[in-house]
Amino acid sequence: MTNINQQIEDERDQARTVCDTKGENSSECAAAWDAVEELQAEASHKRQVKPKNSLEQYCDDNPEAAECRLYED
C-alpha cells in the first residue's frame, strides 16, 4: 500500500507543477488531477478488498469438497 501512496504523492506534486505552469483552467491541469483521482480510487478499492481466509481459499481450490457445499432454503 505504501507504493501506491507514494505514487499519489508524486502525482499530486506533478499536478501542482503542471497547474502552476499551464494555468489552473488548462486541460493539462485537469488531466493531471484526474490522474491523482484515479490513483486515489485505486487505493480505496484495494483497501476494501479483504483477503480470503483459509476456508475460502480451500473452497476456491476444491469447490466439490463437502465443506464447501452451499445449501439454499
N, C-alpha and C. Protein backbone atom coordinates (compact mmCIF):
# COMPACT_ATOMS: atom_id res chain seq x y z
N MET A 1 0.83 -1.20 0.00
CA MET A 1 0.00 0.00 0.00
C MET A 1 0.87 1.26 0.00
N THR A 2 2.06 1.17 0.55
CA THR A 2 2.94 2.33 0.61
C THR A 2 3.31 2.79 -0.78
N ASN A 3 3.50 1.85 -1.70
CA ASN A 3 3.88 2.19 -3.05
C ASN A 3 2.82 3.06 -3.73
N ILE A 4 1.56 2.71 -3.57
CA ILE A 4 0.50 3.50 -4.21
C ILE A 4 0.38 4.87 -3.54
N ASN A 5 0.60 4.91 -2.24
CA ASN A 5 0.57 6.21 -1.55
C ASN A 5 1.69 7.11 -2.05
N GLN A 6 2.84 6.54 -2.32
CA GLN A 6 3.95 7.32 -2.87
C GLN A 6 3.61 7.79 -4.28
N GLN A 7 2.96 6.94 -5.06
CA GLN A 7 2.56 7.33 -6.40
C GLN A 7 1.56 8.48 -6.35
N ILE A 8 0.64 8.44 -5.40
CA ILE A 8 -0.34 9.51 -5.25
C ILE A 8 0.37 10.82 -4.93
N GLU A 9 1.31 10.77 -4.00
CA GLU A 9 2.05 11.99 -3.65
C GLU A 9 2.84 12.53 -4.84
N ASP A 10 3.46 11.62 -5.60
CA ASP A 10 4.22 12.04 -6.79
C ASP A 10 3.30 12.69 -7.82
N GLU A 11 2.13 12.09 -8.04
CA GLU A 11 1.17 12.65 -8.99
C GLU A 11 0.63 14.00 -8.51
N ARG A 12 0.42 14.14 -7.22
CA ARG A 12 -0.03 15.43 -6.68
C ARG A 12 1.01 16.51 -6.94
N ASP A 13 2.27 16.18 -6.67
CA ASP A 13 3.34 17.15 -6.92
C ASP A 13 3.39 17.53 -8.40
N GLN A 14 3.24 16.53 -9.25
CA GLN A 14 3.27 16.78 -10.69
C GLN A 14 2.06 17.63 -11.10
N ALA A 15 0.89 17.34 -10.53
CA ALA A 15 -0.31 18.12 -10.86
C ALA A 15 -0.15 19.57 -10.44
N ARG A 16 0.41 19.79 -9.27
CA ARG A 16 0.64 21.17 -8.81
C ARG A 16 1.60 21.91 -9.74
N THR A 17 2.65 21.21 -10.17
CA THR A 17 3.62 21.82 -11.07
C THR A 17 2.97 22.16 -12.41
N VAL A 18 2.20 21.22 -12.95
CA VAL A 18 1.52 21.45 -14.24
C VAL A 18 0.56 22.62 -14.12
N CYS A 19 -0.20 22.67 -13.04
CA CYS A 19 -1.19 23.73 -12.87
C CYS A 19 -0.52 25.09 -12.68
N ASP A 20 0.64 25.10 -12.01
CA ASP A 20 1.37 26.36 -11.84
C ASP A 20 1.93 26.88 -13.16
N THR A 21 2.38 25.96 -14.02
CA THR A 21 2.99 26.39 -15.28
C THR A 21 1.97 26.59 -16.39
N LYS A 22 0.97 25.75 -16.47
CA LYS A 22 -0.01 25.82 -17.56
C LYS A 22 -1.26 26.62 -17.22
N GLY A 23 -1.49 26.82 -15.93
CA GLY A 23 -2.70 27.52 -15.50
C GLY A 23 -3.72 26.55 -14.95
N GLU A 24 -4.45 27.01 -13.95
CA GLU A 24 -5.40 26.13 -13.27
C GLU A 24 -6.59 25.76 -14.14
N ASN A 25 -6.88 26.51 -15.17
CA ASN A 25 -8.02 26.23 -16.03
C ASN A 25 -7.64 25.49 -17.31
N SER A 26 -6.38 25.03 -17.38
CA SER A 26 -5.93 24.34 -18.59
C SER A 26 -6.36 22.87 -18.58
N SER A 27 -6.41 22.30 -19.77
CA SER A 27 -6.77 20.89 -19.88
C SER A 27 -5.68 20.00 -19.30
N GLU A 28 -4.42 20.45 -19.38
CA GLU A 28 -3.32 19.68 -18.81
C GLU A 28 -3.44 19.59 -17.29
N CYS A 29 -3.87 20.68 -16.68
CA CYS A 29 -4.07 20.71 -15.23
C CYS A 29 -5.18 19.75 -14.84
N ALA A 30 -6.29 19.80 -15.57
CA ALA A 30 -7.41 18.91 -15.28
C ALA A 30 -7.00 17.44 -15.45
N ALA A 31 -6.24 17.14 -16.48
CA ALA A 31 -5.80 15.77 -16.72
C ALA A 31 -4.87 15.30 -15.60
N ALA A 32 -4.01 16.18 -15.13
CA ALA A 32 -3.09 15.82 -14.05
C ALA A 32 -3.85 15.48 -12.78
N TRP A 33 -4.88 16.28 -12.46
CA TRP A 33 -5.68 15.99 -11.26
C TRP A 33 -6.56 14.76 -11.45
N ASP A 34 -6.97 14.48 -12.69
CA ASP A 34 -7.71 13.24 -12.96
C ASP A 34 -6.83 12.02 -12.65
N ALA A 35 -5.56 12.11 -12.99
CA ALA A 35 -4.63 11.01 -12.70
C ALA A 35 -4.52 10.79 -11.19
N VAL A 36 -4.49 11.87 -10.43
CA VAL A 36 -4.44 11.77 -8.97
C VAL A 36 -5.71 11.08 -8.46
N GLU A 37 -6.85 11.50 -8.96
CA GLU A 37 -8.12 10.91 -8.52
C GLU A 37 -8.21 9.43 -8.86
N GLU A 38 -7.69 9.04 -10.01
CA GLU A 38 -7.71 7.63 -10.39
C GLU A 38 -6.87 6.79 -9.43
N LEU A 39 -5.71 7.30 -9.07
CA LEU A 39 -4.86 6.58 -8.13
C LEU A 39 -5.52 6.49 -6.75
N GLN A 40 -6.17 7.57 -6.33
CA GLN A 40 -6.86 7.55 -5.05
C GLN A 40 -8.00 6.53 -5.06
N ALA A 41 -8.71 6.44 -6.16
CA ALA A 41 -9.79 5.46 -6.28
C ALA A 41 -9.24 4.04 -6.24
N GLU A 42 -8.12 3.83 -6.89
CA GLU A 42 -7.49 2.51 -6.87
C GLU A 42 -7.06 2.13 -5.46
N ALA A 43 -6.48 3.09 -4.74
CA ALA A 43 -6.06 2.84 -3.36
C ALA A 43 -7.26 2.51 -2.48
N SER A 44 -8.35 3.22 -2.69
CA SER A 44 -9.57 2.97 -1.92
C SER A 44 -10.11 1.58 -2.21
N HIS A 45 -10.09 1.19 -3.47
CA HIS A 45 -10.57 -0.13 -3.85
C HIS A 45 -9.72 -1.23 -3.21
N LYS A 46 -8.41 -1.03 -3.19
CA LYS A 46 -7.53 -2.03 -2.60
C LYS A 46 -7.77 -2.17 -1.10
N ARG A 47 -8.13 -1.08 -0.43
CA ARG A 47 -8.42 -1.15 1.00
C ARG A 47 -9.71 -1.92 1.25
N GLN A 48 -10.67 -1.86 0.32
CA GLN A 48 -11.95 -2.51 0.51
C GLN A 48 -11.89 -4.02 0.26
N VAL A 49 -10.98 -4.46 -0.55
CA VAL A 49 -10.87 -5.88 -0.87
C VAL A 49 -10.16 -6.56 0.29
N LYS A 50 -10.89 -7.45 0.97
CA LYS A 50 -10.29 -8.14 2.10
C LYS A 50 -9.72 -9.47 1.62
N PRO A 51 -8.63 -9.90 2.21
CA PRO A 51 -8.05 -11.17 1.80
C PRO A 51 -8.95 -12.34 2.21
N LYS A 52 -8.87 -13.40 1.45
CA LYS A 52 -9.68 -14.58 1.74
C LYS A 52 -9.09 -15.34 2.92
N ASN A 53 -9.99 -15.91 3.74
CA ASN A 53 -9.50 -16.74 4.83
C ASN A 53 -9.15 -18.12 4.28
N SER A 54 -8.63 -18.99 5.12
CA SER A 54 -8.16 -20.29 4.65
C SER A 54 -9.28 -21.17 4.10
N LEU A 55 -10.48 -21.10 4.68
CA LEU A 55 -11.60 -21.90 4.15
C LEU A 55 -12.02 -21.40 2.78
N GLU A 56 -12.10 -20.09 2.61
CA GLU A 56 -12.47 -19.54 1.30
C GLU A 56 -11.46 -19.94 0.23
N GLN A 57 -10.19 -19.89 0.58
CA GLN A 57 -9.15 -20.28 -0.37
C GLN A 57 -9.26 -21.76 -0.70
N TYR A 58 -9.51 -22.59 0.33
CA TYR A 58 -9.67 -24.03 0.12
C TYR A 58 -10.85 -24.31 -0.81
N CYS A 59 -11.97 -23.63 -0.57
CA CYS A 59 -13.15 -23.85 -1.40
C CYS A 59 -12.96 -23.35 -2.83
N ASP A 60 -12.17 -22.32 -3.01
CA ASP A 60 -11.85 -21.88 -4.37
C ASP A 60 -11.07 -22.98 -5.10
N ASP A 61 -10.17 -23.63 -4.36
CA ASP A 61 -9.34 -24.66 -4.96
C ASP A 61 -10.06 -26.00 -5.08
N ASN A 62 -11.04 -26.24 -4.18
CA ASN A 62 -11.74 -27.53 -4.12
C ASN A 62 -13.25 -27.32 -3.99
N PRO A 63 -13.92 -26.81 -5.01
CA PRO A 63 -15.34 -26.49 -4.88
C PRO A 63 -16.23 -27.70 -4.65
N GLU A 64 -15.76 -28.89 -4.98
CA GLU A 64 -16.56 -30.09 -4.80
C GLU A 64 -16.47 -30.67 -3.39
N ALA A 65 -15.63 -30.15 -2.54
CA ALA A 65 -15.44 -30.68 -1.19
C ALA A 65 -16.71 -30.49 -0.36
N ALA A 66 -16.93 -31.41 0.57
CA ALA A 66 -18.13 -31.36 1.42
C ALA A 66 -18.20 -30.06 2.23
N GLU A 67 -17.06 -29.58 2.67
CA GLU A 67 -17.01 -28.36 3.47
C GLU A 67 -17.48 -27.12 2.69
N CYS A 68 -17.46 -27.25 1.37
CA CYS A 68 -17.72 -26.08 0.52
C CYS A 68 -19.12 -26.09 -0.09
N ARG A 69 -19.93 -27.07 0.27
CA ARG A 69 -21.28 -27.13 -0.28
C ARG A 69 -22.13 -25.99 0.24
N LEU A 70 -22.93 -25.46 -0.65
CA LEU A 70 -23.86 -24.39 -0.28
C LEU A 70 -25.28 -24.92 -0.36
N TYR A 71 -26.03 -24.68 0.67
CA TYR A 71 -27.43 -25.14 0.72
C TYR A 71 -28.35 -23.94 0.69
N GLU A 72 -29.39 -24.03 -0.12
CA GLU A 72 -30.36 -22.95 -0.20
C GLU A 72 -31.62 -23.36 0.54
N ASP A 73 -32.30 -22.38 1.09
CA ASP A 73 -33.53 -22.66 1.84
C ASP A 73 -34.66 -23.05 0.91
